[in-house]
C-alpha atoms as a PDB file:
ATOM      1  CA  UNK A   1      95.339  70.731 107.612  1.00  0.00           C
ATOM      2  CA  UNK A   2      92.703  73.150 107.988  1.00  0.00           C
ATOM      3  CA  UNK A   3      93.259  76.928 107.175  1.00  0.00           C
ATOM      4  CA  UNK A   4      91.478  79.975 107.503  1.00  0.00           C
ATOM      5  CA  UNK A   5      89.502  81.036 104.624  1.00  0.00           C
ATOM      6  CA  UNK A   6      88.518  84.502 105.877  1.00  0.00           C
ATOM      7  CA  UNK A   7      91.961  86.565 106.873  1.00  0.00           C
ATOM      8  CA  UNK A   8      89.737  89.013 109.199  1.00  0.00           C
ATOM      9  CA  UNK A   9      89.750  89.629 112.733  1.00  0.00           C
ATOM     10  CA  UNK A  10      86.947  87.352 114.437  1.00  0.00           C
ATOM     11  CA  UNK A  11      84.218  89.123 116.526  1.00  0.00           C
ATOM     12  CA  UNK A  12      83.932  87.863 120.253  1.00  0.00           C
ATOM     13  CA  UNK A  13      81.179  88.906 122.531  1.00  0.00           C
ATOM     14  CA  UNK A  14      82.006  90.927 125.664  1.00  0.00           C
ATOM     15  CA  UNK A  15      82.189  88.587 128.944  1.00  0.00           C
ATOM     16  CA  UNK A  16      79.638  90.477 130.621  1.00  0.00           C
ATOM     17  CA  UNK A  17      77.199  90.071 127.305  1.00  0.00           C
ATOM     18  CA  UNK A  18      77.671  86.047 127.478  1.00  0.00           C
ATOM     19  CA  UNK A  19      74.509  84.440 128.842  1.00  0.00           C
ATOM     20  CA  UNK A  20      74.479  81.098 130.619  1.00  0.00           C
ATOM     21  CA  UNK A  21      71.518  79.673 128.317  1.00  0.00           C
ATOM     22  CA  UNK A  22      73.905  80.561 125.458  1.00  0.00           C
ATOM     23  CA  UNK A  23      76.913  78.864 126.944  1.00  0.00           C
ATOM     24  CA  UNK A  24      74.776  75.726 127.830  1.00  0.00           C
ATOM     25  CA  UNK A  25      73.662  75.453 124.265  1.00  0.00           C
ATOM     26  CA  UNK A  26      77.059  75.705 123.080  1.00  0.00           C
ATOM     27  CA  UNK A  27      77.940  72.685 125.287  1.00  0.00           C
ATOM     28  CA  UNK A  28      74.986  70.762 124.493  1.00  0.00           C
ATOM     29  CA  UNK A  29      77.022  69.034 121.592  1.00  0.00           C
ATOM     30  CA  UNK A  30      79.610  66.416 122.609  1.00  0.00           C
ATOM     31  CA  UNK A  31      81.871  67.575 119.665  1.00  0.00           C
ATOM     32  CA  UNK A  32      81.888  71.225 121.096  1.00  0.00           C
ATOM     33  CA  UNK A  33      82.717  69.326 124.363  1.00  0.00           C
ATOM     34  CA  UNK A  34      85.504  67.752 122.925  1.00  0.00           C
ATOM     35  CA  UNK A  35      87.158  70.557 121.344  1.00  0.00           C
ATOM     36  CA  UNK A  36      86.712  72.589 124.487  1.00  0.00           C
ATOM     37  CA  UNK A  37      88.670  69.701 126.354  1.00  0.00           C
ATOM     38  CA  UNK A  38      91.219  69.594 123.943  1.00  0.00           C
ATOM     39  CA  UNK A  39      91.745  73.228 124.346  1.00  0.00           C
ATOM     40  CA  UNK A  40      91.704  73.267 127.996  1.00  0.00           C
ATOM     41  CA  UNK A  41      94.116  70.316 128.085  1.00  0.00           C
ATOM     42  CA  UNK A  42      96.734  71.556 125.167  1.00  0.00           C
ATOM     43  CA  UNK A  43      96.391  75.577 125.499  1.00  0.00           C
ATOM     44  CA  UNK A  44      95.802  77.246 122.190  1.00  0.00           C
ATOM     45  CA  UNK A  45      95.502  75.071 119.266  1.00  0.00           C
ATOM     46  CA  UNK A  46      95.298  75.586 115.268  1.00  0.00           C
ATOM     47  CA  UNK A  47      91.556  74.562 114.465  1.00  0.00           C
ATOM     48  CA  UNK A  48      92.879  71.846 112.663  1.00  0.00           C
ATOM     49  CA  UNK A  49      95.356  70.464 115.117  1.00  0.00           C
ATOM     50  CA  UNK A  50      92.354  68.835 117.449  1.00  0.00           C
ATOM     51  CA  UNK A  51      91.622  65.215 115.684  1.00  0.00           C
ATOM     52  CA  UNK A  52      87.800  65.090 115.000  1.00  0.00           C
ATOM     53  CA  UNK A  53      86.175  62.868 112.450  1.00  0.00           C
ATOM     54  CA  UNK A  54      84.046  65.568 110.908  1.00  0.00           C
ATOM     55  CA  UNK A  55      84.089  67.862 107.633  1.00  0.00           C
ATOM     56  CA  UNK A  56      85.670  71.069 107.561  1.00  0.00           C
ATOM     57  CA  UNK A  57      82.287  72.705 107.241  1.00  0.00           C
ATOM     58  CA  UNK A  58      81.050  71.182 110.384  1.00  0.00           C
ATOM     59  CA  UNK A  59      84.309  71.748 112.368  1.00  0.00           C
ATOM     60  CA  UNK A  60      84.144  75.439 111.342  1.00  0.00           C
ATOM     61  CA  UNK A  61      80.380  75.588 112.469  1.00  0.00           C
ATOM     62  CA  UNK A  62      81.469  74.342 115.818  1.00  0.00           C
ATOM     63  CA  UNK A  63      84.212  76.462 116.460  1.00  0.00           C
ATOM     64  CA  UNK A  64      81.808  79.346 115.251  1.00  0.00           C
ATOM     65  CA  UNK A  65      79.211  78.455 118.020  1.00  0.00           C
ATOM     66  CA  UNK A  66      81.904  78.183 120.767  1.00  0.00           C
ATOM     67  CA  UNK A  67      83.312  81.384 119.856  1.00  0.00           C
ATOM     68  CA  UNK A  68      79.784  83.158 119.575  1.00  0.00           C
ATOM     69  CA  UNK A  69      78.755  81.726 122.994  1.00  0.00           C
ATOM     70  CA  UNK A  70      81.939  83.461 124.435  1.00  0.00           C
ATOM     71  CA  UNK A  71      83.915  80.342 125.327  1.00  0.00           C
ATOM     72  CA  UNK A  72      86.807  80.540 123.094  1.00  0.00           C
ATOM     73  CA  UNK A  73      88.956  83.207 121.607  1.00  0.00           C
ATOM     74  CA  UNK A  74      90.028  82.797 117.769  1.00  0.00           C
ATOM     75  CA  UNK A  75      92.576  84.583 116.085  1.00  0.00           C
ATOM     76  CA  UNK A  76      94.474  84.514 112.772  1.00  0.00           C
ATOM     77  CA  UNK A  77      98.162  83.532 112.772  1.00  0.00           C
ATOM     78  CA  UNK A  78      99.151  83.592 109.117  1.00  0.00           C
ATOM     79  CA  UNK A  79      96.864  81.143 107.385  1.00  0.00           C
ATOM     80  CA  UNK A  80      95.952  79.080 110.620  1.00  0.00           C
ATOM     81  CA  UNK A  81      93.186  79.961 113.089  1.00  0.00           C
ATOM     82  CA  UNK A  82      94.236  79.619 116.252  1.00  0.00           C
ATOM     83  CA  UNK A  83      91.747  78.985 119.404  1.00  0.00           C
ATOM     84  CA  UNK A  84      92.075  79.269 122.806  1.00  0.00           C
ATOM     85  CA  UNK A  85      89.534  78.997 125.836  1.00  0.00           C
ATOM     86  CA  UNK A  86      88.691  82.147 127.514  1.00  0.00           C
ATOM     87  CA  UNK A  87      89.252  80.638 131.197  1.00  0.00           C
ATOM     88  CA  UNK A  88      89.549  83.788 133.024  1.00  0.00           C
ATOM     89  CA  UNK A  89      86.635  85.364 131.569  1.00  0.00           C
ATOM     90  CA  UNK A  90      84.640  82.393 132.147  1.00  0.00           C
ATOM     91  CA  UNK A  91      85.567  81.637 135.541  1.00  0.00           C
ATOM     92  CA  UNK A  92      84.624  85.193 136.630  1.00  0.00           C
ATOM     93  CA  UNK A  93      81.442  84.962 134.771  1.00  0.00           C
ATOM     94  CA  UNK A  94      80.399  81.321 135.425  1.00  0.00           C
ATOM     95  CA  UNK A  95      82.701  80.513 138.383  1.00  0.00           C
ATOM     96  CA  UNK A  96      83.365  76.676 138.112  1.00  0.00           C
ATOM     97  CA  UNK A  97      81.298  75.812 134.885  1.00  0.00           C
ATOM     98  CA  UNK A  98      84.876  74.845 132.856  1.00  0.00           C
ATOM     99  CA  UNK A  99      86.270  72.608 135.925  1.00  0.00           C
ATOM    100  CA  UNK A 100      82.601  70.578 135.727  1.00  0.00           C
ATOM    101  CA  UNK A 101      83.376  70.038 131.991  1.00  0.00           C
ATOM    102  CA  UNK A 102      86.717  68.776 132.776  1.00  0.00           C
ATOM    103  CA  UNK A 103      85.671  66.790 135.594  1.00  0.00           C
ATOM    104  CA  UNK A 104      83.079  65.024 133.608  1.00  0.00           C
ATOM    105  CA  UNK A 105      85.681  63.627 131.108  1.00  0.00           C
ATOM    106  CA  UNK A 106      87.775  62.713 134.090  1.00  0.00           C
ATOM    107  CA  UNK A 107      84.643  60.789 135.229  1.00  0.00           C
ATOM    108  CA  UNK A 108      84.420  58.842 131.809  1.00  0.00           C
ATOM    109  CA  UNK A 109      88.401  58.353 131.400  1.00  0.00           C
ATOM    110  CA  UNK A 110      89.418  57.457 134.920  1.00  0.00           C
ATOM    111  CA  UNK A 111      92.191  60.259 134.753  1.00  0.00           C
ATOM    112  CA  UNK A 112      92.373  63.382 137.165  1.00  0.00           C
ATOM    113  CA  UNK A 113      91.860  66.562 135.175  1.00  0.00           C
ATOM    114  CA  UNK A 114      95.249  68.752 134.734  1.00  0.00           C
ATOM    115  CA  UNK A 115      95.143  71.676 137.030  1.00  0.00           C
ATOM    116  CA  UNK A 116      95.444  74.725 134.710  1.00  0.00           C
ATOM    117  CA  UNK A 117      96.413  78.216 136.509  1.00  0.00           C
ATOM    118  CA  UNK A 118      94.515  81.107 135.553  1.00  0.00           C
END
């Protein structure tokens, strides 16, 4: 199980400060796409609840990149880091982008993406 080391509030960019190049750079790594998809399918999750075959340091780095790009919101709950996708903000800022991420997975797995309400 992965626990938060620092129990301080995380900083997140304001939606209007999120840029498309930064978001696309964050989505350029397959591991980060997998994290984002898991969060979109399951909702808010603890960082350690997403099955990834990577070290804690690498996992932490990927979550930080997603957070700094404005794609996810991370908060502490006790000793756990809870992360969720900033769905509404991303849909307003870049309409359809998150749907494309989910649609690409559906193409690979043959499953239709689950519809999430905003």
